[in-house]
Amino acid sequence: DSLELPLGSYLNNRGFFFPKPLWGEGTWL
């Protein structure tokens, strides 16, 4: 029954869930 928040995030008694960024090649720049 998680609370749906903006930007694809959720909040419940297990914590705050949010999108995980996945960086491509060359992002160290």
mmCIF file of all heavy atoms, coordinates in Angstrom:
data_MODEL
# 
_entry.id   MODEL 
# 
loop_
_atom_site.group_PDB 
_atom_site.id 
_atom_site.type_symbol 
_atom_site.label_atom_id 
_atom_site.label_alt_id 
_atom_site.label_comp_id 
_atom_site.label_asym_id 
_atom_site.label_entity_id 
_atom_site.label_seq_id 
_atom_site.pdbx_PDB_ins_code 
_atom_site.Cartn_x 
_atom_site.Cartn_y 
_atom_site.Cartn_z 
_atom_site.occupancy 
_atom_site.B_iso_or_equiv 
_atom_site.pdbx_formal_charge 
_atom_site.auth_seq_id 
_atom_site.auth_comp_id 
_atom_site.auth_asym_id 
_atom_site.auth_atom_id 
_atom_site.pdbx_PDB_model_num 
ATOM 1   N N   . ASP A 1 1  ? 0.828  -1.204 0.000   1.00 0.00 ? 1  ASP A N   1 
ATOM 2   C CA  . ASP A 1 1  ? 0.000  0.000  0.000   1.00 0.00 ? 1  ASP A CA  1 
ATOM 3   C C   . ASP A 1 1  ? 0.863  1.255  0.000   1.00 0.00 ? 1  ASP A C   1 
ATOM 4   O O   . ASP A 1 1  ? 0.497  2.280  0.588   1.00 0.00 ? 1  ASP A O   1 
ATOM 5   C CB  . ASP A 1 1  ? -0.929 0.006  1.214   1.00 0.00 ? 1  ASP A CB  1 
ATOM 6   C CG  . ASP A 1 1  ? -1.848 -1.197 1.244   1.00 0.00 ? 1  ASP A CG  1 
ATOM 7   O OD1 . ASP A 1 1  ? -2.339 -1.577 0.159   1.00 0.00 ? 1  ASP A OD1 1 
ATOM 8   O OD2 . ASP A 1 1  ? -2.067 -1.759 2.342   1.00 0.00 ? 1  ASP A OD2 1 
ATOM 9   N N   . SER A 1 2  ? 2.027  1.203  -0.644  1.00 0.00 ? 2  SER A N   1 
ATOM 10  C CA  . SER A 1 2  ? 2.990  2.296  -0.609  1.00 0.00 ? 2  SER A CA  1 
ATOM 11  C C   . SER A 1 2  ? 2.395  3.600  -1.116  1.00 0.00 ? 2  SER A C   1 
ATOM 12  O O   . SER A 1 2  ? 1.553  3.610  -2.025  1.00 0.00 ? 2  SER A O   1 
ATOM 13  C CB  . SER A 1 2  ? 4.223  1.937  -1.454  1.00 0.00 ? 2  SER A CB  1 
ATOM 14  O OG  . SER A 1 2  ? 4.860  0.794  -0.950  1.00 0.00 ? 2  SER A OG  1 
ATOM 15  N N   . LEU A 1 3  ? 2.854  4.692  -0.515  1.00 0.00 ? 3  LEU A N   1 
ATOM 16  C CA  . LEU A 1 3  ? 2.465  6.017  -0.990  1.00 0.00 ? 3  LEU A CA  1 
ATOM 17  C C   . LEU A 1 3  ? 3.260  6.334  -2.241  1.00 0.00 ? 3  LEU A C   1 
ATOM 18  O O   . LEU A 1 3  ? 4.496  6.334  -2.225  1.00 0.00 ? 3  LEU A O   1 
ATOM 19  C CB  . LEU A 1 3  ? 2.742  7.060  0.100   1.00 0.00 ? 3  LEU A CB  1 
ATOM 20  C CG  . LEU A 1 3  ? 1.998  6.888  1.432   1.00 0.00 ? 3  LEU A CG  1 
ATOM 21  C CD1 . LEU A 1 3  ? 2.482  7.931  2.442   1.00 0.00 ? 3  LEU A CD1 1 
ATOM 22  C CD2 . LEU A 1 3  ? 0.505  7.006  1.219   1.00 0.00 ? 3  LEU A CD2 1 
ATOM 23  N N   . GLU A 1 4  ? 2.583  6.596  -3.339  1.00 0.00 ? 4  GLU A N   1 
ATOM 24  C CA  . GLU A 1 4  ? 3.251  6.904  -4.600  1.00 0.00 ? 4  GLU A CA  1 
ATOM 25  C C   . GLU A 1 4  ? 3.556  8.389  -4.650  1.00 0.00 ? 4  GLU A C   1 
ATOM 26  O O   . GLU A 1 4  ? 2.676  9.231  -4.537  1.00 0.00 ? 4  GLU A O   1 
ATOM 27  C CB  . GLU A 1 4  ? 2.376  6.497  -5.780  1.00 0.00 ? 4  GLU A CB  1 
ATOM 28  C CG  . GLU A 1 4  ? 3.081  6.607  -7.119  1.00 0.00 ? 4  GLU A CG  1 
ATOM 29  C CD  . GLU A 1 4  ? 2.276  6.019  -8.260  1.00 0.00 ? 4  GLU A CD  1 
ATOM 30  O OE1 . GLU A 1 4  ? 1.190  5.444  -7.977  1.00 0.00 ? 4  GLU A OE1 1 
ATOM 31  O OE2 . GLU A 1 4  ? 2.724  6.124  -9.410  1.00 0.00 ? 4  GLU A OE2 1 
ATOM 32  N N   . LEU A 1 5  ? 4.827  8.707  -4.827  1.00 0.00 ? 5  LEU A N   1 
ATOM 33  C CA  . LEU A 1 5  ? 5.299  10.081 -4.866  1.00 0.00 ? 5  LEU A CA  1 
ATOM 34  C C   . LEU A 1 5  ? 5.715  10.451 -6.285  1.00 0.00 ? 5  LEU A C   1 
ATOM 35  O O   . LEU A 1 5  ? 5.849  9.575  -7.150  1.00 0.00 ? 5  LEU A O   1 
ATOM 36  C CB  . LEU A 1 5  ? 6.485  10.241 -3.904  1.00 0.00 ? 5  LEU A CB  1 
ATOM 37  C CG  . LEU A 1 5  ? 6.220  9.862  -2.440  1.00 0.00 ? 5  LEU A CG  1 
ATOM 38  C CD1 . LEU A 1 5  ? 7.488  9.999  -1.622  1.00 0.00 ? 5  LEU A CD1 1 
ATOM 39  C CD2 . LEU A 1 5  ? 5.112  10.717 -1.847  1.00 0.00 ? 5  LEU A CD2 1 
ATOM 40  N N   . PRO A 1 6  ? 5.924  11.733 -6.563  1.00 0.00 ? 6  PRO A N   1 
ATOM 41  C CA  . PRO A 1 6  ? 6.357  12.141 -7.911  1.00 0.00 ? 6  PRO A CA  1 
ATOM 42  C C   . PRO A 1 6  ? 7.709  11.521 -8.283  1.00 0.00 ? 6  PRO A C   1 
ATOM 43  O O   . PRO A 1 6  ? 8.471  11.055 -7.436  1.00 0.00 ? 6  PRO A O   1 
ATOM 44  C CB  . PRO A 1 6  ? 6.446  13.666 -7.793  1.00 0.00 ? 6  PRO A CB  1 
ATOM 45  C CG  . PRO A 1 6  ? 5.543  14.024 -6.664  1.00 0.00 ? 6  PRO A CG  1 
ATOM 46  C CD  . PRO A 1 6  ? 5.633  12.890 -5.701  1.00 0.00 ? 6  PRO A CD  1 
ATOM 47  N N   . LEU A 1 7  ? 7.977  11.522 -9.576  1.00 0.00 ? 7  LEU A N   1 
ATOM 48  C CA  . LEU A 1 7  ? 9.248  11.043 -10.141 1.00 0.00 ? 7  LEU A CA  1 
ATOM 49  C C   . LEU A 1 7  ? 9.465  9.552  -9.884  1.00 0.00 ? 7  LEU A C   1 
ATOM 50  O O   . LEU A 1 7  ? 10.601 9.087  -9.746  1.00 0.00 ? 7  LEU A O   1 
ATOM 51  C CB  . LEU A 1 7  ? 10.431 11.846 -9.595  1.00 0.00 ? 7  LEU A CB  1 
ATOM 52  C CG  . LEU A 1 7  ? 10.364 13.367 -9.806  1.00 0.00 ? 7  LEU A CG  1 
ATOM 53  C CD1 . LEU A 1 7  ? 11.557 14.040 -9.153  1.00 0.00 ? 7  LEU A CD1 1 
ATOM 54  C CD2 . LEU A 1 7  ? 10.314 13.698 -11.290 1.00 0.00 ? 7  LEU A CD2 1 
ATOM 55  N N   . GLY A 1 8  ? 8.392  8.783  -9.826  1.00 0.00 ? 8  GLY A N   1 
ATOM 56  C CA  . GLY A 1 8  ? 8.520  7.338  -9.680  1.00 0.00 ? 8  GLY A CA  1 
ATOM 57  C C   . GLY A 1 8  ? 9.034  6.877  -8.348  1.00 0.00 ? 8  GLY A C   1 
ATOM 58  O O   . GLY A 1 8  ? 9.667  5.810  -8.265  1.00 0.00 ? 8  GLY A O   1 
ATOM 59  N N   . SER A 1 9  ? 8.776  7.633  -7.278  1.00 0.00 ? 9  SER A N   1 
ATOM 60  C CA  . SER A 1 9  ? 9.252  7.281  -5.943  1.00 0.00 ? 9  SER A CA  1 
ATOM 61  C C   . SER A 1 9  ? 8.101  6.740  -5.101  1.00 0.00 ? 9  SER A C   1 
ATOM 62  O O   . SER A 1 9  ? 6.928  7.032  -5.359  1.00 0.00 ? 9  SER A O   1 
ATOM 63  C CB  . SER A 1 9  ? 9.869  8.500  -5.253  1.00 0.00 ? 9  SER A CB  1 
ATOM 64  O OG  . SER A 1 9  ? 10.955 9.017  -6.015  1.00 0.00 ? 9  SER A OG  1 
ATOM 65  N N   . TYR A 1 10 ? 8.456  5.963  -4.068  1.00 0.00 ? 10 TYR A N   1 
ATOM 66  C CA  . TYR A 1 10 ? 7.467  5.371  -3.167  1.00 0.00 ? 10 TYR A CA  1 
ATOM 67  C C   . TYR A 1 10 ? 7.959  5.524  -1.728  1.00 0.00 ? 10 TYR A C   1 
ATOM 68  O O   . TYR A 1 10 ? 9.165  5.552  -1.459  1.00 0.00 ? 10 TYR A O   1 
ATOM 69  C CB  . TYR A 1 10 ? 7.253  3.892  -3.475  1.00 0.00 ? 10 TYR A CB  1 
ATOM 70  C CG  . TYR A 1 10 ? 6.635  3.620  -4.832  1.00 0.00 ? 10 TYR A CG  1 
ATOM 71  C CD1 . TYR A 1 10 ? 7.440  3.453  -5.956  1.00 0.00 ? 10 TYR A CD1 1 
ATOM 72  C CD2 . TYR A 1 10 ? 5.263  3.521  -4.986  1.00 0.00 ? 10 TYR A CD2 1 
ATOM 73  C CE1 . TYR A 1 10 ? 6.890  3.209  -7.200  1.00 0.00 ? 10 TYR A CE1 1 
ATOM 74  C CE2 . TYR A 1 10 ? 4.689  3.262  -6.226  1.00 0.00 ? 10 TYR A CE2 1 
ATOM 75  C CZ  . TYR A 1 10 ? 5.510  3.105  -7.327  1.00 0.00 ? 10 TYR A CZ  1 
ATOM 76  O OH  . TYR A 1 10 ? 4.953  2.867  -8.572  1.00 0.00 ? 10 TYR A OH  1 
ATOM 77  N N   . LEU A 1 11 ? 6.986  5.595  -0.824  1.00 0.00 ? 11 LEU A N   1 
ATOM 78  C CA  . LEU A 1 11 ? 7.296  5.706  0.600   1.00 0.00 ? 11 LEU A CA  1 
ATOM 79  C C   . LEU A 1 11 ? 6.425  4.730  1.371   1.00 0.00 ? 11 LEU A C   1 
ATOM 80  O O   . LEU A 1 11 ? 5.201  4.697  1.209   1.00 0.00 ? 11 LEU A O   1 
ATOM 81  C CB  . LEU A 1 11 ? 7.041  7.134  1.092   1.00 0.00 ? 11 LEU A CB  1 
ATOM 82  C CG  . LEU A 1 11 ? 7.360  7.414  2.572   1.00 0.00 ? 11 LEU A CG  1 
ATOM 83  C CD1 . LEU A 1 11 ? 8.853  7.249  2.836   1.00 0.00 ? 11 LEU A CD1 1 
ATOM 84  C CD2 . LEU A 1 11 ? 6.903  8.822  2.956   1.00 0.00 ? 11 LEU A CD2 1 
ATOM 85  N N   . ASN A 1 12 ? 7.068  3.911  2.202   1.00 0.00 ? 12 ASN A N   1 
ATOM 86  C CA  . ASN A 1 12 ? 6.341  2.981  3.058   1.00 0.00 ? 12 ASN A CA  1 
ATOM 87  C C   . ASN A 1 12 ? 7.164  2.731  4.316   1.00 0.00 ? 12 ASN A C   1 
ATOM 88  O O   . ASN A 1 12 ? 8.208  3.371  4.528   1.00 0.00 ? 12 ASN A O   1 
ATOM 89  C CB  . ASN A 1 12 ? 6.021  1.673  2.317   1.00 0.00 ? 12 ASN A CB  1 
ATOM 90  C CG  . ASN A 1 12 ? 7.270  1.010  1.750   1.00 0.00 ? 12 ASN A CG  1 
ATOM 91  O OD1 . ASN A 1 12 ? 8.254  0.797  2.459   1.00 0.00 ? 12 ASN A OD1 1 
ATOM 92  N ND2 . ASN A 1 12 ? 7.247  0.687  0.458   1.00 0.00 ? 12 ASN A ND2 1 
ATOM 93  N N   . ASN A 1 13 ? 6.683  1.807  5.148   1.00 0.00 ? 13 ASN A N   1 
ATOM 94  C CA  . ASN A 1 13 ? 7.384  1.565  6.405   1.00 0.00 ? 13 ASN A CA  1 
ATOM 95  C C   . ASN A 1 13 ? 8.693  0.804  6.236   1.00 0.00 ? 13 ASN A C   1 
ATOM 96  O O   . ASN A 1 13 ? 9.390  0.546  7.218   1.00 0.00 ? 13 ASN A O   1 
ATOM 97  C CB  . ASN A 1 13 ? 6.475  0.826  7.391   1.00 0.00 ? 13 ASN A CB  1 
ATOM 98  C CG  . ASN A 1 13 ? 5.976  -0.506 6.840   1.00 0.00 ? 13 ASN A CG  1 
ATOM 99  O OD1 . ASN A 1 13 ? 6.391  -0.957 5.768   1.00 0.00 ? 13 ASN A OD1 1 
ATOM 100 N ND2 . ASN A 1 13 ? 5.076  -1.142 7.571   1.00 0.00 ? 13 ASN A ND2 1 
ATOM 101 N N   . ARG A 1 14 ? 9.035  0.441  5.010   1.00 0.00 ? 14 ARG A N   1 
ATOM 102 C CA  . ARG A 1 14 ? 10.328 -0.188 4.730   1.00 0.00 ? 14 ARG A CA  1 
ATOM 103 C C   . ARG A 1 14 ? 11.347 0.798  4.187   1.00 0.00 ? 14 ARG A C   1 
ATOM 104 O O   . ARG A 1 14 ? 12.471 0.411  3.882   1.00 0.00 ? 14 ARG A O   1 
ATOM 105 C CB  . ARG A 1 14 ? 10.141 -1.342 3.753   1.00 0.00 ? 14 ARG A CB  1 
ATOM 106 C CG  . ARG A 1 14 ? 9.304  -2.483 4.302   1.00 0.00 ? 14 ARG A CG  1 
ATOM 107 C CD  . ARG A 1 14 ? 9.293  -3.666 3.358   1.00 0.00 ? 14 ARG A CD  1 
ATOM 108 N NE  . ARG A 1 14 ? 8.478  -4.754 3.883   1.00 0.00 ? 14 ARG A NE  1 
ATOM 109 C CZ  . ARG A 1 14 ? 8.318  -5.928 3.279   1.00 0.00 ? 14 ARG A CZ  1 
ATOM 110 N NH1 . ARG A 1 14 ? 8.933  -6.164 2.131   1.00 0.00 ? 14 ARG A NH1 1 
ATOM 111 N NH2 . ARG A 1 14 ? 7.558  -6.861 3.822   1.00 0.00 ? 14 ARG A NH2 1 
ATOM 112 N N   . GLY A 1 15 ? 10.950 2.058  4.031   1.00 0.00 ? 15 GLY A N   1 
ATOM 113 C CA  . GLY A 1 15 ? 11.883 3.068  3.595   1.00 0.00 ? 15 GLY A CA  1 
ATOM 114 C C   . GLY A 1 15 ? 11.362 3.897  2.442   1.00 0.00 ? 15 GLY A C   1 
ATOM 115 O O   . GLY A 1 15 ? 10.179 3.837  2.058   1.00 0.00 ? 15 GLY A O   1 
ATOM 116 N N   . PHE A 1 16 ? 12.264 4.673  1.887   1.00 0.00 ? 16 PHE A N   1 
ATOM 117 C CA  . PHE A 1 16 ? 11.959 5.551  0.755   1.00 0.00 ? 16 PHE A CA  1 
ATOM 118 C C   . PHE A 1 16 ? 12.615 4.967  -0.493  1.00 0.00 ? 16 PHE A C   1 
ATOM 119 O O   . PHE A 1 16 ? 13.837 4.823  -0.567  1.00 0.00 ? 16 PHE A O   1 
ATOM 120 C CB  . PHE A 1 16 ? 12.488 6.963  1.020   1.00 0.00 ? 16 PHE A CB  1 
ATOM 121 C CG  . PHE A 1 16 ? 12.364 7.898  -0.150  1.00 0.00 ? 16 PHE A CG  1 
ATOM 122 C CD1 . PHE A 1 16 ? 11.122 8.264  -0.643  1.00 0.00 ? 16 PHE A CD1 1 
ATOM 123 C CD2 . PHE A 1 16 ? 13.503 8.409  -0.766  1.00 0.00 ? 16 PHE A CD2 1 
ATOM 124 C CE1 . PHE A 1 16 ? 11.003 9.123  -1.721  1.00 0.00 ? 16 PHE A CE1 1 
ATOM 125 C CE2 . PHE A 1 16 ? 13.394 9.268  -1.838  1.00 0.00 ? 16 PHE A CE2 1 
ATOM 126 C CZ  . PHE A 1 16 ? 12.142 9.623  -2.323  1.00 0.00 ? 16 PHE A CZ  1 
ATOM 127 N N   . PHE A 1 17 ? 11.799 4.603  -1.481  1.00 0.00 ? 17 PHE A N   1 
ATOM 128 C CA  . PHE A 1 17 ? 12.273 3.997  -2.721  1.00 0.00 ? 17 PHE A CA  1 
ATOM 129 C C   . PHE A 1 17 ? 12.276 5.052  -3.826  1.00 0.00 ? 17 PHE A C   1 
ATOM 130 O O   . PHE A 1 17 ? 11.282 5.771  -4.012  1.00 0.00 ? 17 PHE A O   1 
ATOM 131 C CB  . PHE A 1 17 ? 11.378 2.821  -3.127  1.00 0.00 ? 17 PHE A CB  1 
ATOM 132 C CG  . PHE A 1 17 ? 11.416 1.665  -2.174  1.00 0.00 ? 17 PHE A CG  1 
ATOM 133 C CD1 . PHE A 1 17 ? 10.720 1.706  -0.968  1.00 0.00 ? 17 PHE A CD1 1 
ATOM 134 C CD2 . PHE A 1 17 ? 12.155 0.528  -2.464  1.00 0.00 ? 17 PHE A CD2 1 
ATOM 135 C CE1 . PHE A 1 17 ? 10.751 0.641  -0.085  1.00 0.00 ? 17 PHE A CE1 1 
ATOM 136 C CE2 . PHE A 1 17 ? 12.193 -0.543 -1.581  1.00 0.00 ? 17 PHE A CE2 1 
ATOM 137 C CZ  . PHE A 1 17 ? 11.493 -0.477 -0.396  1.00 0.00 ? 17 PHE A CZ  1 
ATOM 138 N N   . PHE A 1 18 ? 13.367 5.136  -4.568  1.00 0.00 ? 18 PHE A N   1 
ATOM 139 C CA  . PHE A 1 18 ? 13.483 6.130  -5.626  1.00 0.00 ? 18 PHE A CA  1 
ATOM 140 C C   . PHE A 1 18 ? 14.262 5.532  -6.800  1.00 0.00 ? 18 PHE A C   1 
ATOM 141 O O   . PHE A 1 18 ? 14.975 4.528  -6.636  1.00 0.00 ? 18 PHE A O   1 
ATOM 142 C CB  . PHE A 1 18 ? 14.185 7.386  -5.112  1.00 0.00 ? 18 PHE A CB  1 
ATOM 143 C CG  . PHE A 1 18 ? 15.587 7.147  -4.607  1.00 0.00 ? 18 PHE A CG  1 
ATOM 144 C CD1 . PHE A 1 18 ? 16.686 7.336  -5.424  1.00 0.00 ? 18 PHE A CD1 1 
ATOM 145 C CD2 . PHE A 1 18 ? 15.801 6.742  -3.291  1.00 0.00 ? 18 PHE A CD2 1 
ATOM 146 C CE1 . PHE A 1 18 ? 17.972 7.118  -4.964  1.00 0.00 ? 18 PHE A CE1 1 
ATOM 147 C CE2 . PHE A 1 18 ? 17.087 6.514  -2.816  1.00 0.00 ? 18 PHE A CE2 1 
ATOM 148 C CZ  . PHE A 1 18 ? 18.166 6.708  -3.655  1.00 0.00 ? 18 PHE A CZ  1 
ATOM 149 N N   . PRO A 1 19 ? 14.138 6.121  -7.993  1.00 0.00 ? 19 PRO A N   1 
ATOM 150 C CA  . PRO A 1 19 ? 14.826 5.572  -9.172  1.00 0.00 ? 19 PRO A CA  1 
ATOM 151 C C   . PRO A 1 19 ? 16.341 5.574  -8.994  1.00 0.00 ? 19 PRO A C   1 
ATOM 152 O O   . PRO A 1 19 ? 16.925 6.535  -8.489  1.00 0.00 ? 19 PRO A O   1 
ATOM 153 C CB  . PRO A 1 19 ? 14.398 6.510  -10.302 1.00 0.00 ? 19 PRO A CB  1 
ATOM 154 C CG  . PRO A 1 19 ? 13.123 7.117  -9.836  1.00 0.00 ? 19 PRO A CG  1 
ATOM 155 C CD  . PRO A 1 19 ? 13.245 7.245  -8.352  1.00 0.00 ? 19 PRO A CD  1 
ATOM 156 N N   . LYS A 1 20 ? 16.965 4.504  -9.415  1.00 0.00 ? 20 LYS A N   1 
ATOM 157 C CA  . LYS A 1 20 ? 18.414 4.373  -9.331  1.00 0.00 ? 20 LYS A CA  1 
ATOM 158 C C   . LYS A 1 20 ? 19.045 4.793  -10.644 1.00 0.00 ? 20 LYS A C   1 
ATOM 159 O O   . LYS A 1 20 ? 18.718 4.249  -11.697 1.00 0.00 ? 20 LYS A O   1 
ATOM 160 C CB  . LYS A 1 20 ? 18.782 2.924  -9.018  1.00 0.00 ? 20 LYS A CB  1 
ATOM 161 C CG  . LYS A 1 20 ? 20.279 2.661  -8.924  1.00 0.00 ? 20 LYS A CG  1 
ATOM 162 C CD  . LYS A 1 20 ? 20.542 1.198  -8.626  1.00 0.00 ? 20 LYS A CD  1 
ATOM 163 C CE  . LYS A 1 20 ? 22.035 0.910  -8.528  1.00 0.00 ? 20 LYS A CE  1 
ATOM 164 N NZ  . LYS A 1 20 ? 22.303 -0.516 -8.242  1.00 0.00 ? 20 LYS A NZ  1 
ATOM 165 N N   . PRO A 1 21 ? 19.942 5.773  -10.638 1.00 0.00 ? 21 PRO A N   1 
ATOM 166 C CA  . PRO A 1 21 ? 20.570 6.215  -11.892 1.00 0.00 ? 21 PRO A CA  1 
ATOM 167 C C   . PRO A 1 21 ? 21.572 5.185  -12.405 1.00 0.00 ? 21 PRO A C   1 
ATOM 168 O O   . PRO A 1 21 ? 22.350 4.616  -11.630 1.00 0.00 ? 21 PRO A O   1 
ATOM 169 C CB  . PRO A 1 21 ? 21.262 7.523  -11.500 1.00 0.00 ? 21 PRO A CB  1 
ATOM 170 C CG  . PRO A 1 21 ? 21.506 7.410  -10.030 1.00 0.00 ? 21 PRO A CG  1 
ATOM 171 C CD  . PRO A 1 21 ? 20.375 6.585  -9.487  1.00 0.00 ? 21 PRO A CD  1 
ATOM 172 N N   . LEU A 1 22 ? 21.545 4.947  -13.699 1.00 0.00 ? 22 LEU A N   1 
ATOM 173 C CA  . LEU A 1 22 ? 22.483 4.039  -14.356 1.00 0.00 ? 22 LEU A CA  1 
ATOM 174 C C   . LEU A 1 22 ? 23.266 4.843  -15.380 1.00 0.00 ? 22 LEU A C   1 
ATOM 175 O O   . LEU A 1 22 ? 22.716 5.272  -16.395 1.00 0.00 ? 22 LEU A O   1 
ATOM 176 C CB  . LEU A 1 22 ? 21.718 2.880  -15.030 1.00 0.00 ? 22 LEU A CB  1 
ATOM 177 C CG  . LEU A 1 22 ? 20.850 2.021  -14.114 1.00 0.00 ? 22 LEU A CG  1 
ATOM 178 C CD1 . LEU A 1 22 ? 20.066 0.992  -14.934 1.00 0.00 ? 22 LEU A CD1 1 
ATOM 179 C CD2 . LEU A 1 22 ? 21.697 1.326  -13.047 1.00 0.00 ? 22 LEU A CD2 1 
ATOM 180 N N   . TRP A 1 23 ? 24.535 5.052  -15.108 1.00 0.00 ? 23 TRP A N   1 
ATOM 181 C CA  . TRP A 1 23 ? 25.355 5.903  -15.955 1.00 0.00 ? 23 TRP A CA  1 
ATOM 182 C C   . TRP A 1 23 ? 26.007 5.083  -17.064 1.00 0.00 ? 23 TRP A C   1 
ATOM 183 O O   . TRP A 1 23 ? 26.388 3.942  -16.860 1.00 0.00 ? 23 TRP A O   1 
ATOM 184 C CB  . TRP A 1 23 ? 26.425 6.598  -15.125 1.00 0.00 ? 23 TRP A CB  1 
ATOM 185 C CG  . TRP A 1 23 ? 25.859 7.508  -14.079 1.00 0.00 ? 23 TRP A CG  1 
ATOM 186 C CD1 . TRP A 1 23 ? 25.630 7.211  -12.763 1.00 0.00 ? 23 TRP A CD1 1 
ATOM 187 C CD2 . TRP A 1 23 ? 25.423 8.852  -14.255 1.00 0.00 ? 23 TRP A CD2 1 
ATOM 188 N NE1 . TRP A 1 23 ? 25.095 8.285  -12.119 1.00 0.00 ? 23 TRP A NE1 1 
ATOM 189 C CE2 . TRP A 1 23 ? 24.951 9.316  -13.009 1.00 0.00 ? 23 TRP A CE2 1 
ATOM 190 C CE3 . TRP A 1 23 ? 25.387 9.723  -15.352 1.00 0.00 ? 23 TRP A CE3 1 
ATOM 191 C CZ2 . TRP A 1 23 ? 24.454 10.599 -12.823 1.00 0.00 ? 23 TRP A CZ2 1 
ATOM 192 C CZ3 . TRP A 1 23 ? 24.891 11.001 -15.170 1.00 0.00 ? 23 TRP A CZ3 1 
ATOM 193 C CH2 . TRP A 1 23 ? 24.433 11.424 -13.925 1.00 0.00 ? 23 TRP A CH2 1 
ATOM 194 N N   . GLY A 1 24 ? 26.141 5.722  -18.231 1.00 0.00 ? 24 GLY A N   1 
ATOM 195 C CA  . GLY A 1 24 ? 26.766 5.074  -19.373 1.00 0.00 ? 24 GLY A CA  1 
ATOM 196 C C   . GLY A 1 24 ? 28.253 5.375  -19.447 1.00 0.00 ? 24 GLY A C   1 
ATOM 197 O O   . GLY A 1 24 ? 28.875 5.862  -18.493 1.00 0.00 ? 24 GLY A O   1 
ATOM 198 N N   . GLU A 1 25 ? 28.839 5.098  -20.599 1.00 0.00 ? 25 GLU A N   1 
ATOM 199 C CA  . GLU A 1 25 ? 30.276 5.300  -20.795 1.00 0.00 ? 25 GLU A CA  1 
ATOM 200 C C   . GLU A 1 25 ? 30.608 6.795  -20.862 1.00 0.00 ? 25 GLU A C   1 
ATOM 201 O O   . GLU A 1 25 ? 29.836 7.596  -21.389 1.00 0.00 ? 25 GLU A O   1 
ATOM 202 C CB  . GLU A 1 25 ? 30.732 4.611  -22.085 1.00 0.00 ? 25 GLU A CB  1 
ATOM 203 C CG  . GLU A 1 25 ? 30.580 3.095  -22.064 1.00 0.00 ? 25 GLU A CG  1 
ATOM 204 C CD  . GLU A 1 25 ? 31.093 2.456  -23.337 1.00 0.00 ? 25 GLU A CD  1 
ATOM 205 O OE1 . GLU A 1 25 ? 31.558 3.213  -24.222 1.00 0.00 ? 25 GLU A OE1 1 
ATOM 206 O OE2 . GLU A 1 25 ? 31.032 1.231  -23.449 1.00 0.00 ? 25 GLU A OE2 1 
ATOM 207 N N   . GLY A 1 26 ? 31.782 7.114  -20.345 1.00 0.00 ? 26 GLY A N   1 
ATOM 208 C CA  . GLY A 1 26 ? 32.270 8.487  -20.411 1.00 0.00 ? 26 GLY A CA  1 
ATOM 209 C C   . GLY A 1 26 ? 31.670 9.421  -19.385 1.00 0.00 ? 26 GLY A C   1 
ATOM 210 O O   . GLY A 1 26 ? 31.965 10.617 -19.399 1.00 0.00 ? 26 GLY A O   1 
ATOM 211 N N   . THR A 1 27 ? 30.850 8.899  -18.478 1.00 0.00 ? 27 THR A N   1 
ATOM 212 C CA  . THR A 1 27 ? 30.200 9.789  -17.517 1.00 0.00 ? 27 THR A CA  1 
ATOM 213 C C   . THR A 1 27 ? 31.173 10.329 -16.466 1.00 0.00 ? 27 THR A C   1 
ATOM 214 O O   . THR A 1 27 ? 30.815 11.252 -15.732 1.00 0.00 ? 27 THR A O   1 
ATOM 215 C CB  . THR A 1 27 ? 29.053 9.043  -16.803 1.00 0.00 ? 27 THR A CB  1 
ATOM 216 O OG1 . THR A 1 27 ? 29.551 7.804  -16.271 1.00 0.00 ? 27 THR A OG1 1 
ATOM 217 C CG2 . THR A 1 27 ? 27.931 8.740  -17.772 1.00 0.00 ? 27 THR A CG2 1 
ATOM 218 N N   . TRP A 1 28 ? 32.374 9.769  -16.389 1.00 0.00 ? 28 TRP A N   1 
ATOM 219 C CA  . TRP A 1 28 ? 33.359 10.310 -15.459 1.00 0.00 ? 28 TRP A CA  1 
ATOM 220 C C   . TRP A 1 28 ? 33.749 11.739 -15.823 1.00 0.00 ? 28 TRP A C   1 
ATOM 221 O O   . TRP A 1 28 ? 34.280 12.491 -14.983 1.00 0.00 ? 28 TRP A O   1 
ATOM 222 C CB  . TRP A 1 28 ? 34.611 9.424  -15.447 1.00 0.00 ? 28 TRP A CB  1 
ATOM 223 C CG  . TRP A 1 28 ? 35.308 9.334  -16.782 1.00 0.00 ? 28 TRP A CG  1 
ATOM 224 C CD1 . TRP A 1 28 ? 35.054 8.447  -17.768 1.00 0.00 ? 28 TRP A CD1 1 
ATOM 225 C CD2 . TRP A 1 28 ? 36.349 10.191 -17.257 1.00 0.00 ? 28 TRP A CD2 1 
ATOM 226 N NE1 . TRP A 1 28 ? 35.872 8.673  -18.846 1.00 0.00 ? 28 TRP A NE1 1 
ATOM 227 C CE2 . TRP A 1 28 ? 36.685 9.747  -18.556 1.00 0.00 ? 28 TRP A CE2 1 
ATOM 228 C CE3 . TRP A 1 28 ? 37.030 11.275 -16.728 1.00 0.00 ? 28 TRP A CE3 1 
ATOM 229 C CZ2 . TRP A 1 28 ? 37.664 10.362 -19.324 1.00 0.00 ? 28 TRP A CZ2 1 
ATOM 230 C CZ3 . TRP A 1 28 ? 38.020 11.889 -17.482 1.00 0.00 ? 28 TRP A CZ3 1 
ATOM 231 C CH2 . TRP A 1 28 ? 38.320 11.433 -18.771 1.00 0.00 ? 28 TRP A CH2 1 
ATOM 232 N N   . LEU A 1 29 ? 33.471 12.131 -17.071 1.00 0.00 ? 29 LEU A N   1 
ATOM 233 C CA  . LEU A 1 29 ? 33.776 13.504 -17.477 1.00 0.00 ? 29 LEU A CA  1 
ATOM 234 C C   . LEU A 1 29 ? 32.843 14.515 -16.824 1.00 0.00 ? 29 LEU A C   1 
ATOM 235 O O   . LEU A 1 29 ? 33.192 15.694 -16.700 1.00 0.00 ? 29 LEU A O   1 
ATOM 236 C CB  . LEU A 1 29 ? 33.673 13.625 -19.003 1.00 0.00 ? 29 LEU A CB  1 
ATOM 237 C CG  . LEU A 1 29 ? 34.735 12.869 -19.817 1.00 0.00 ? 29 LEU A CG  1 
ATOM 238 C CD1 . LEU A 1 29 ? 34.402 12.935 -21.297 1.00 0.00 ? 29 LEU A CD1 1 
ATOM 239 C CD2 . LEU A 1 29 ? 36.118 13.465 -19.553 1.00 0.00 ? 29 LEU A CD2 1 
# 
